[in-house]
Amino acid sequence: AAISPTVHRLLLEMSDRQAASIATAIS
């Protein structure tokens, strides 16, 4: 992710999915 814009985007998308999943568990 530090050297590839493509993988950096994958990291951000992954973080968004994690945030949504965790939010559901908290709710």
mmCIF file of all heavy atoms, coordinates in Angstrom:
data_MODEL
# 
_entry.id   MODEL 
# 
loop_
_atom_site.group_PDB 
_atom_site.id 
_atom_site.type_symbol 
_atom_site.label_atom_id 
_atom_site.label_alt_id 
_atom_site.label_comp_id 
_atom_site.label_asym_id 
_atom_site.label_entity_id 
_atom_site.label_seq_id 
_atom_site.pdbx_PDB_ins_code 
_atom_site.Cartn_x 
_atom_site.Cartn_y 
_atom_site.Cartn_z 
_atom_site.occupancy 
_atom_site.B_iso_or_equiv 
_atom_site.pdbx_formal_charge 
_atom_site.auth_seq_id 
_atom_site.auth_comp_id 
_atom_site.auth_asym_id 
_atom_site.auth_atom_id 
_atom_site.pdbx_PDB_model_num 
ATOM 1   N N   . ALA A 1 1  ? 0.832   -1.213 0.000  1.00 0.00 ? 1  ALA A N   1 
ATOM 2   C CA  . ALA A 1 1  ? 0.000   0.000  0.000  1.00 0.00 ? 1  ALA A CA  1 
ATOM 3   C C   . ALA A 1 1  ? 0.858   1.251  0.000  1.00 0.00 ? 1  ALA A C   1 
ATOM 4   O O   . ALA A 1 1  ? 0.452   2.298  -0.509 1.00 0.00 ? 1  ALA A O   1 
ATOM 5   C CB  . ALA A 1 1  ? -0.934  -0.007 1.204  1.00 0.00 ? 1  ALA A CB  1 
ATOM 6   N N   . ALA A 1 2  ? 2.063   1.163  0.582  1.00 0.00 ? 2  ALA A N   1 
ATOM 7   C CA  . ALA A 1 2  ? 2.954   2.320  0.637  1.00 0.00 ? 2  ALA A CA  1 
ATOM 8   C C   . ALA A 1 2  ? 3.583   2.638  -0.715 1.00 0.00 ? 2  ALA A C   1 
ATOM 9   O O   . ALA A 1 2  ? 3.965   3.785  -0.970 1.00 0.00 ? 2  ALA A O   1 
ATOM 10  C CB  . ALA A 1 2  ? 4.055   2.074  1.669  1.00 0.00 ? 2  ALA A CB  1 
ATOM 11  N N   . ILE A 1 3  ? 3.669   1.632  -1.591 1.00 0.00 ? 3  ILE A N   1 
ATOM 12  C CA  . ILE A 1 3  ? 4.346   1.853  -2.877 1.00 0.00 ? 3  ILE A CA  1 
ATOM 13  C C   . ILE A 1 3  ? 3.411   1.765  -4.079 1.00 0.00 ? 3  ILE A C   1 
ATOM 14  O O   . ILE A 1 3  ? 3.794   2.145  -5.183 1.00 0.00 ? 3  ILE A O   1 
ATOM 15  C CB  . ILE A 1 3  ? 5.508   0.852  -3.081 1.00 0.00 ? 3  ILE A CB  1 
ATOM 16  C CG1 . ILE A 1 3  ? 4.987   -0.589 -3.150 1.00 0.00 ? 3  ILE A CG1 1 
ATOM 17  C CG2 . ILE A 1 3  ? 6.552   1.004  -1.964 1.00 0.00 ? 3  ILE A CG2 1 
ATOM 18  C CD1 . ILE A 1 3  ? 6.045   -1.612 -3.542 1.00 0.00 ? 3  ILE A CD1 1 
ATOM 19  N N   . SER A 1 4  ? 2.192   1.280  -3.863 1.00 0.00 ? 4  SER A N   1 
ATOM 20  C CA  . SER A 1 4  ? 1.264   1.072  -4.977 1.00 0.00 ? 4  SER A CA  1 
ATOM 21  C C   . SER A 1 4  ? -0.052  1.803  -4.751 1.00 0.00 ? 4  SER A C   1 
ATOM 22  O O   . SER A 1 4  ? -0.771  1.492  -3.789 1.00 0.00 ? 4  SER A O   1 
ATOM 23  C CB  . SER A 1 4  ? 0.983   -0.426 -5.164 1.00 0.00 ? 4  SER A CB  1 
ATOM 24  O OG  . SER A 1 4  ? -0.143  -0.632 -5.997 1.00 0.00 ? 4  SER A OG  1 
ATOM 25  N N   . PRO A 1 5  ? -0.417  2.762  -5.601 1.00 0.00 ? 5  PRO A N   1 
ATOM 26  C CA  . PRO A 1 5  ? -1.715  3.426  -5.475 1.00 0.00 ? 5  PRO A CA  1 
ATOM 27  C C   . PRO A 1 5  ? -2.885  2.440  -5.544 1.00 0.00 ? 5  PRO A C   1 
ATOM 28  O O   . PRO A 1 5  ? -3.900  2.622  -4.864 1.00 0.00 ? 5  PRO A O   1 
ATOM 29  C CB  . PRO A 1 5  ? -1.739  4.394  -6.662 1.00 0.00 ? 5  PRO A CB  1 
ATOM 30  C CG  . PRO A 1 5  ? -0.295  4.652  -6.964 1.00 0.00 ? 5  PRO A CG  1 
ATOM 31  C CD  . PRO A 1 5  ? 0.394   3.353  -6.692 1.00 0.00 ? 5  PRO A CD  1 
ATOM 32  N N   . THR A 1 6  ? -2.719  1.394  -6.352 1.00 0.00 ? 6  THR A N   1 
ATOM 33  C CA  . THR A 1 6  ? -3.782  0.396  -6.469 1.00 0.00 ? 6  THR A CA  1 
ATOM 34  C C   . THR A 1 6  ? -4.021  -0.309 -5.142 1.00 0.00 ? 6  THR A C   1 
ATOM 35  O O   . THR A 1 6  ? -5.166  -0.457 -4.688 1.00 0.00 ? 6  THR A O   1 
ATOM 36  C CB  . THR A 1 6  ? -3.426  -0.652 -7.539 1.00 0.00 ? 6  THR A CB  1 
ATOM 37  O OG1 . THR A 1 6  ? -3.266  -0.002 -8.801 1.00 0.00 ? 6  THR A OG1 1 
ATOM 38  C CG2 . THR A 1 6  ? -4.508  -1.712 -7.647 1.00 0.00 ? 6  THR A CG2 1 
ATOM 39  N N   . VAL A 1 7  ? -2.944  -0.740 -4.495 1.00 0.00 ? 7  VAL A N   1 
ATOM 40  C CA  . VAL A 1 7  ? -3.085  -1.445 -3.223 1.00 0.00 ? 7  VAL A CA  1 
ATOM 41  C C   . VAL A 1 7  ? -3.502  -0.472 -2.112 1.00 0.00 ? 7  VAL A C   1 
ATOM 42  O O   . VAL A 1 7  ? -4.247  -0.848 -1.208 1.00 0.00 ? 7  VAL A O   1 
ATOM 43  C CB  . VAL A 1 7  ? -1.783  -2.180 -2.852 1.00 0.00 ? 7  VAL A CB  1 
ATOM 44  C CG1 . VAL A 1 7  ? -1.955  -2.930 -1.530 1.00 0.00 ? 7  VAL A CG1 1 
ATOM 45  C CG2 . VAL A 1 7  ? -1.398  -3.160 -3.953 1.00 0.00 ? 7  VAL A CG2 1 
ATOM 46  N N   . HIS A 1 8  ? -3.048  0.775  -2.198 1.00 0.00 ? 8  HIS A N   1 
ATOM 47  C CA  . HIS A 1 8  ? -3.495  1.779  -1.218 1.00 0.00 ? 8  HIS A CA  1 
ATOM 48  C C   . HIS A 1 8  ? -5.011  1.924  -1.291 1.00 0.00 ? 8  HIS A C   1 
ATOM 49  O O   . HIS A 1 8  ? -5.684  2.014  -0.244 1.00 0.00 ? 8  HIS A O   1 
ATOM 50  C CB  . HIS A 1 8  ? -2.822  3.121  -1.494 1.00 0.00 ? 8  HIS A CB  1 
ATOM 51  C CG  . HIS A 1 8  ? -3.212  4.189  -0.518 1.00 0.00 ? 8  HIS A CG  1 
ATOM 52  N ND1 . HIS A 1 8  ? -2.826  4.178  0.804  1.00 0.00 ? 8  HIS A ND1 1 
ATOM 53  C CD2 . HIS A 1 8  ? -3.985  5.293  -0.669 1.00 0.00 ? 8  HIS A CD2 1 
ATOM 54  C CE1 . HIS A 1 8  ? -3.327  5.229  1.418  1.00 0.00 ? 8  HIS A CE1 1 
ATOM 55  N NE2 . HIS A 1 8  ? -4.040  5.921  0.550  1.00 0.00 ? 8  HIS A NE2 1 
ATOM 56  N N   . ARG A 1 9  ? -5.564  1.928  -2.486 1.00 0.00 ? 9  ARG A N   1 
ATOM 57  C CA  . ARG A 1 9  ? -7.021  1.995  -2.642 1.00 0.00 ? 9  ARG A CA  1 
ATOM 58  C C   . ARG A 1 9  ? -7.679  0.759  -2.022 1.00 0.00 ? 9  ARG A C   1 
ATOM 59  O O   . ARG A 1 9  ? -8.722  0.869  -1.351 1.00 0.00 ? 9  ARG A O   1 
ATOM 60  C CB  . ARG A 1 9  ? -7.389  2.099  -4.122 1.00 0.00 ? 9  ARG A CB  1 
ATOM 61  C CG  . ARG A 1 9  ? -8.893  2.008  -4.396 1.00 0.00 ? 9  ARG A CG  1 
ATOM 62  C CD  . ARG A 1 9  ? -9.198  2.070  -5.883 1.00 0.00 ? 9  ARG A CD  1 
ATOM 63  N NE  . ARG A 1 9  ? -8.510  1.054  -6.651 1.00 0.00 ? 9  ARG A NE  1 
ATOM 64  C CZ  . ARG A 1 9  ? -8.899  -0.219 -6.735 1.00 0.00 ? 9  ARG A CZ  1 
ATOM 65  N NH1 . ARG A 1 9  ? -9.965  -0.643 -6.050 1.00 0.00 ? 9  ARG A NH1 1 
ATOM 66  N NH2 . ARG A 1 9  ? -8.231  -1.072 -7.477 1.00 0.00 ? 9  ARG A NH2 1 
ATOM 67  N N   . LEU A 1 10 ? -7.078  -0.423 -2.226 1.00 0.00 ? 10 LEU A N   1 
ATOM 68  C CA  . LEU A 1 10 ? -7.624  -1.644 -1.639 1.00 0.00 ? 10 LEU A CA  1 
ATOM 69  C C   . LEU A 1 10 ? -7.634  -1.557 -0.115 1.00 0.00 ? 10 LEU A C   1 
ATOM 70  O O   . LEU A 1 10 ? -8.578  -2.012 0.536  1.00 0.00 ? 10 LEU A O   1 
ATOM 71  C CB  . LEU A 1 10 ? -6.799  -2.860 -2.078 1.00 0.00 ? 10 LEU A CB  1 
ATOM 72  C CG  . LEU A 1 10 ? -6.837  -3.230 -3.557 1.00 0.00 ? 10 LEU A CG  1 
ATOM 73  C CD1 . LEU A 1 10 ? -5.901  -4.403 -3.835 1.00 0.00 ? 10 LEU A CD1 1 
ATOM 74  C CD2 . LEU A 1 10 ? -8.254  -3.564 -4.005 1.00 0.00 ? 10 LEU A CD2 1 
ATOM 75  N N   . LEU A 1 11 ? -6.590  -0.954 0.451  1.00 0.00 ? 11 LEU A N   1 
ATOM 76  C CA  . LEU A 1 11 ? -6.526  -0.786 1.909  1.00 0.00 ? 11 LEU A CA  1 
ATOM 77  C C   . LEU A 1 11 ? -7.650  0.115  2.407  1.00 0.00 ? 11 LEU A C   1 
ATOM 78  O O   . LEU A 1 11 ? -8.313  -0.189 3.406  1.00 0.00 ? 11 LEU A O   1 
ATOM 79  C CB  . LEU A 1 11 ? -5.167  -0.211 2.307  1.00 0.00 ? 11 LEU A CB  1 
ATOM 80  C CG  . LEU A 1 11 ? -5.002  0.201  3.782  1.00 0.00 ? 11 LEU A CG  1 
ATOM 81  C CD1 . LEU A 1 11 ? -5.220  -0.985 4.714  1.00 0.00 ? 11 LEU A CD1 1 
ATOM 82  C CD2 . LEU A 1 11 ? -3.618  0.815  4.004  1.00 0.00 ? 11 LEU A CD2 1 
ATOM 83  N N   . LEU A 1 12 ? -7.891  1.226  1.703  1.00 0.00 ? 12 LEU A N   1 
ATOM 84  C CA  . LEU A 1 12 ? -8.956  2.144  2.114  1.00 0.00 ? 12 LEU A CA  1 
ATOM 85  C C   . LEU A 1 12 ? -10.326 1.475  1.996  1.00 0.00 ? 12 LEU A C   1 
ATOM 86  O O   . LEU A 1 12 ? -11.187 1.643  2.880  1.00 0.00 ? 12 LEU A O   1 
ATOM 87  C CB  . LEU A 1 12 ? -8.905  3.408  1.260  1.00 0.00 ? 12 LEU A CB  1 
ATOM 88  C CG  . LEU A 1 12 ? -7.652  4.277  1.402  1.00 0.00 ? 12 LEU A CG  1 
ATOM 89  C CD1 . LEU A 1 12 ? -7.730  5.487  0.477  1.00 0.00 ? 12 LEU A CD1 1 
ATOM 90  C CD2 . LEU A 1 12 ? -7.464  4.722  2.852  1.00 0.00 ? 12 LEU A CD2 1 
ATOM 91  N N   . GLU A 1 13 ? -10.529 0.725  0.933  1.00 0.00 ? 13 GLU A N   1 
ATOM 92  C CA  . GLU A 1 13 ? -11.800 0.013  0.760  1.00 0.00 ? 13 GLU A CA  1 
ATOM 93  C C   . GLU A 1 13 ? -11.984 -1.037 1.856  1.00 0.00 ? 13 GLU A C   1 
ATOM 94  O O   . GLU A 1 13 ? -13.088 -1.213 2.388  1.00 0.00 ? 13 GLU A O   1 
ATOM 95  C CB  . GLU A 1 13 ? -11.848 -0.650 -0.622 1.00 0.00 ? 13 GLU A CB  1 
ATOM 96  C CG  . GLU A 1 13 ? -11.934 0.345  -1.775 1.00 0.00 ? 13 GLU A CG  1 
ATOM 97  C CD  . GLU A 1 13 ? -11.820 -0.328 -3.130 1.00 0.00 ? 13 GLU A CD  1 
ATOM 98  O OE1 . GLU A 1 13 ? -11.533 -1.552 -3.157 1.00 0.00 ? 13 GLU A OE1 1 
ATOM 99  O OE2 . GLU A 1 13 ? -12.017 0.365  -4.155 1.00 0.00 ? 13 GLU A OE2 1 
ATOM 100 N N   . MET A 1 14 ? -10.894 -1.727 2.184  1.00 0.00 ? 14 MET A N   1 
ATOM 101 C CA  . MET A 1 14 ? -10.942 -2.725 3.244  1.00 0.00 ? 14 MET A CA  1 
ATOM 102 C C   . MET A 1 14 ? -11.292 -2.080 4.579  1.00 0.00 ? 14 MET A C   1 
ATOM 103 O O   . MET A 1 14 ? -12.103 -2.594 5.351  1.00 0.00 ? 14 MET A O   1 
ATOM 104 C CB  . MET A 1 14 ? -9.600  -3.439 3.347  1.00 0.00 ? 14 MET A CB  1 
ATOM 105 C CG  . MET A 1 14 ? -9.567  -4.571 4.357  1.00 0.00 ? 14 MET A CG  1 
ATOM 106 S SD  . MET A 1 14 ? -7.873  -5.023 4.779  1.00 0.00 ? 14 MET A SD  1 
ATOM 107 C CE  . MET A 1 14 ? -7.416  -3.609 5.811  1.00 0.00 ? 14 MET A CE  1 
ATOM 108 N N   . SER A 1 15 ? -10.706 -0.923 4.850  1.00 0.00 ? 15 SER A N   1 
ATOM 109 C CA  . SER A 1 15 ? -10.977 -0.211 6.104  1.00 0.00 ? 15 SER A CA  1 
ATOM 110 C C   . SER A 1 15 ? -12.442 0.211  6.176  1.00 0.00 ? 15 SER A C   1 
ATOM 111 O O   . SER A 1 15 ? -13.068 0.130  7.243  1.00 0.00 ? 15 SER A O   1 
ATOM 112 C CB  . SER A 1 15 ? -10.061 1.009  6.220  1.00 0.00 ? 15 SER A CB  1 
ATOM 113 O OG  . SER A 1 15 ? -10.205 1.634  7.470  1.00 0.00 ? 15 SER A OG  1 
ATOM 114 N N   . ASP A 1 16 ? -13.001 0.642  5.050  1.00 0.00 ? 16 ASP A N   1 
ATOM 115 C CA  . ASP A 1 16 ? -14.420 1.012  5.018  1.00 0.00 ? 16 ASP A CA  1 
ATOM 116 C C   . ASP A 1 16 ? -15.307 -0.193 5.332  1.00 0.00 ? 16 ASP A C   1 
ATOM 117 O O   . ASP A 1 16 ? -16.289 -0.073 6.087  1.00 0.00 ? 16 ASP A O   1 
ATOM 118 C CB  . ASP A 1 16 ? -14.795 1.576  3.647  1.00 0.00 ? 16 ASP A CB  1 
ATOM 119 C CG  . ASP A 1 16 ? -14.251 2.975  3.414  1.00 0.00 ? 16 ASP A CG  1 
ATOM 120 O OD1 . ASP A 1 16 ? -13.850 3.623  4.399  1.00 0.00 ? 16 ASP A OD1 1 
ATOM 121 O OD2 . ASP A 1 16 ? -14.229 3.414  2.252  1.00 0.00 ? 16 ASP A OD2 1 
ATOM 122 N N   . ARG A 1 17 ? -14.961 -1.356 4.772  1.00 0.00 ? 17 ARG A N   1 
ATOM 123 C CA  . ARG A 1 17 ? -15.741 -2.571 5.043  1.00 0.00 ? 17 ARG A CA  1 
ATOM 124 C C   . ARG A 1 17 ? -15.646 -2.953 6.512  1.00 0.00 ? 17 ARG A C   1 
ATOM 125 O O   . ARG A 1 17 ? -16.633 -3.336 7.136  1.00 0.00 ? 17 ARG A O   1 
ATOM 126 C CB  . ARG A 1 17 ? -15.243 -3.739 4.174  1.00 0.00 ? 17 ARG A CB  1 
ATOM 127 C CG  . ARG A 1 17 ? -15.567 -3.622 2.695  1.00 0.00 ? 17 ARG A CG  1 
ATOM 128 C CD  . ARG A 1 17 ? -15.335 -4.934 1.980  1.00 0.00 ? 17 ARG A CD  1 
ATOM 129 N NE  . ARG A 1 17 ? -13.943 -5.378 2.083  1.00 0.00 ? 17 ARG A NE  1 
ATOM 130 C CZ  . ARG A 1 17 ? -12.990 -5.056 1.206  1.00 0.00 ? 17 ARG A CZ  1 
ATOM 131 N NH1 . ARG A 1 17 ? -13.278 -4.270 0.176  1.00 0.00 ? 17 ARG A NH1 1 
ATOM 132 N NH2 . ARG A 1 17 ? -11.763 -5.519 1.358  1.00 0.00 ? 17 ARG A NH2 1 
ATOM 133 N N   . GLN A 1 18 ? -14.442 -2.853 7.066  1.00 0.00 ? 18 GLN A N   1 
ATOM 134 C CA  . GLN A 1 18 ? -14.261 -3.181 8.477  1.00 0.00 ? 18 GLN A CA  1 
ATOM 135 C C   . GLN A 1 18 ? -15.078 -2.240 9.368  1.00 0.00 ? 18 GLN A C   1 
ATOM 136 O O   . GLN A 1 18 ? -15.718 -2.675 10.321 1.00 0.00 ? 18 GLN A O   1 
ATOM 137 C CB  . GLN A 1 18 ? -12.786 -3.096 8.851  1.00 0.00 ? 18 GLN A CB  1 
ATOM 138 C CG  . GLN A 1 18 ? -11.938 -4.216 8.282  1.00 0.00 ? 18 GLN A CG  1 
ATOM 139 C CD  . GLN A 1 18 ? -10.493 -4.132 8.721  1.00 0.00 ? 18 GLN A CD  1 
ATOM 140 O OE1 . GLN A 1 18 ? -10.042 -3.097 9.199  1.00 0.00 ? 18 GLN A OE1 1 
ATOM 141 N NE2 . GLN A 1 18 ? -9.760  -5.209 8.554  1.00 0.00 ? 18 GLN A NE2 1 
ATOM 142 N N   . ALA A 1 19 ? -15.038 -0.954 9.048  1.00 0.00 ? 19 ALA A N   1 
ATOM 143 C CA  . ALA A 1 19 ? -15.775 0.023  9.849  1.00 0.00 ? 19 ALA A CA  1 
ATOM 144 C C   . ALA A 1 19 ? -17.268 -0.286 9.833  1.00 0.00 ? 19 ALA A C   1 
ATOM 145 O O   . ALA A 1 19 ? -17.944 -0.220 10.875 1.00 0.00 ? 19 ALA A O   1 
ATOM 146 C CB  . ALA A 1 19 ? -15.519 1.431  9.313  1.00 0.00 ? 19 ALA A CB  1 
ATOM 147 N N   . ALA A 1 20 ? -17.802 -0.630 8.668  1.00 0.00 ? 20 ALA A N   1 
ATOM 148 C CA  . ALA A 1 20 ? -19.229 -0.943 8.558  1.00 0.00 ? 20 ALA A CA  1 
ATOM 149 C C   . ALA A 1 20 ? -19.573 -2.202 9.340  1.00 0.00 ? 20 ALA A C   1 
ATOM 150 O O   . ALA A 1 20 ? -20.603 -2.270 10.037 1.00 0.00 ? 20 ALA A O   1 
ATOM 151 C CB  . ALA A 1 20 ? -19.611 -1.103 7.091  1.00 0.00 ? 20 ALA A CB  1 
ATOM 152 N N   . SER A 1 21 ? -18.705 -3.215 9.249  1.00 0.00 ? 21 SER A N   1 
ATOM 153 C CA  . SER A 1 21 ? -18.948 -4.469 9.956  1.00 0.00 ? 21 SER A CA  1 
ATOM 154 C C   . SER A 1 21 ? -18.899 -4.263 11.463 1.00 0.00 ? 21 SER A C   1 
ATOM 155 O O   . SER A 1 21 ? -19.748 -4.775 12.217 1.00 0.00 ? 21 SER A O   1 
ATOM 156 C CB  . SER A 1 21 ? -17.899 -5.505 9.536  1.00 0.00 ? 21 SER A CB  1 
ATOM 157 O OG  . SER A 1 21 ? -18.055 -6.716 10.250 1.00 0.00 ? 21 SER A OG  1 
ATOM 158 N N   . ILE A 1 22 ? -17.921 -3.501 11.936 1.00 0.00 ? 22 ILE A N   1 
ATOM 159 C CA  . ILE A 1 22 ? -17.794 -3.231 13.367 1.00 0.00 ? 22 ILE A CA  1 
ATOM 160 C C   . ILE A 1 22 ? -18.980 -2.401 13.863 1.00 0.00 ? 22 ILE A C   1 
ATOM 161 O O   . ILE A 1 22 ? -19.521 -2.644 14.942 1.00 0.00 ? 22 ILE A O   1 
ATOM 162 C CB  . ILE A 1 22 ? -16.466 -2.514 13.659 1.00 0.00 ? 22 ILE A CB  1 
ATOM 163 C CG1 . ILE A 1 22 ? -15.289 -3.459 13.396 1.00 0.00 ? 22 ILE A CG1 1 
ATOM 164 C CG2 . ILE A 1 22 ? -16.424 -2.015 15.104 1.00 0.00 ? 22 ILE A CG2 1 
ATOM 165 C CD1 . ILE A 1 22 ? -13.941 -2.781 13.416 1.00 0.00 ? 22 ILE A CD1 1 
ATOM 166 N N   . ALA A 1 23 ? -19.398 -1.416 13.063 1.00 0.00 ? 23 ALA A N   1 
ATOM 167 C CA  . ALA A 1 23 ? -20.540 -0.588 13.444 1.00 0.00 ? 23 ALA A CA  1 
ATOM 168 C C   . ALA A 1 23 ? -21.795 -1.433 13.619 1.00 0.00 ? 23 ALA A C   1 
ATOM 169 O O   . ALA A 1 23 ? -22.580 -1.225 14.562 1.00 0.00 ? 23 ALA A O   1 
ATOM 170 C CB  . ALA A 1 23 ? -20.768 0.501  12.404 1.00 0.00 ? 23 ALA A CB  1 
ATOM 171 N N   . THR A 1 24 ? -21.983 -2.392 12.733 1.00 0.00 ? 24 THR A N   1 
ATOM 172 C CA  . THR A 1 24 ? -23.137 -3.283 12.845 1.00 0.00 ? 24 THR A CA  1 
ATOM 173 C C   . THR A 1 24 ? -23.068 -4.089 14.134 1.00 0.00 ? 24 THR A C   1 
ATOM 174 O O   . THR A 1 24 ? -24.070 -4.233 14.853 1.00 0.00 ? 24 THR A O   1 
ATOM 175 C CB  . THR A 1 24 ? -23.196 -4.235 11.645 1.00 0.00 ? 24 THR A CB  1 
ATOM 176 O OG1 . THR A 1 24 ? -23.359 -3.472 10.443 1.00 0.00 ? 24 THR A OG1 1 
ATOM 177 C CG2 . THR A 1 24 ? -24.357 -5.215 11.774 1.00 0.00 ? 24 THR A CG2 1 
ATOM 178 N N   . ALA A 1 25 ? -21.877 -4.610 14.451 1.00 0.00 ? 25 ALA A N   1 
ATOM 179 C CA  . ALA A 1 25 ? -21.708 -5.391 15.683 1.00 0.00 ? 25 ALA A CA  1 
ATOM 180 C C   . ALA A 1 25 ? -21.971 -4.530 16.917 1.00 0.00 ? 25 ALA A C   1 
ATOM 181 O O   . ALA A 1 25 ? -22.582 -4.995 17.888 1.00 0.00 ? 25 ALA A O   1 
ATOM 182 C CB  . ALA A 1 25 ? -20.308 -5.985 15.728 1.00 0.00 ? 25 ALA A CB  1 
ATOM 183 N N   . ILE A 1 26 ? -21.522 -3.288 16.881 1.00 0.00 ? 26 ILE A N   1 
ATOM 184 C CA  . ILE A 1 26 ? -21.748 -2.380 18.016 1.00 0.00 ? 26 ILE A CA  1 
ATOM 185 C C   . ILE A 1 26 ? -23.234 -2.060 18.156 1.00 0.00 ? 26 ILE A C   1 
ATOM 186 O O   . ILE A 1 26 ? -23.789 -2.062 19.258 1.00 0.00 ? 26 ILE A O   1 
ATOM 187 C CB  . ILE A 1 26 ? -20.923 -1.092 17.841 1.00 0.00 ? 26 ILE A CB  1 
ATOM 188 C CG1 . ILE A 1 26 ? -19.427 -1.396 18.007 1.00 0.00 ? 26 ILE A CG1 1 
ATOM 189 C CG2 . ILE A 1 26 ? -21.359 -0.022 18.844 1.00 0.00 ? 26 ILE A CG2 1 
ATOM 190 C CD1 . ILE A 1 26 ? -18.522 -0.228 17.682 1.00 0.00 ? 26 ILE A CD1 1 
ATOM 191 N N   . SER A 1 27 ? -23.887 -1.794 17.040 1.00 0.00 ? 27 SER A N   1 
ATOM 192 C CA  . SER A 1 27 ? -25.326 -1.481 17.072 1.00 0.00 ? 27 SER A CA  1 
ATOM 193 C C   . SER A 1 27 ? -26.140 -2.625 17.661 1.00 0.00 ? 27 SER A C   1 
ATOM 194 O O   . SER A 1 27 ? -27.129 -2.406 18.367 1.00 0.00 ? 27 SER A O   1 
ATOM 195 C CB  . SER A 1 27 ? -25.828 -1.176 15.659 1.00 0.00 ? 27 SER A CB  1 
ATOM 196 O OG  . SER A 1 27 ? -25.311 0.036  15.185 1.00 0.00 ? 27 SER A OG  1 
# 
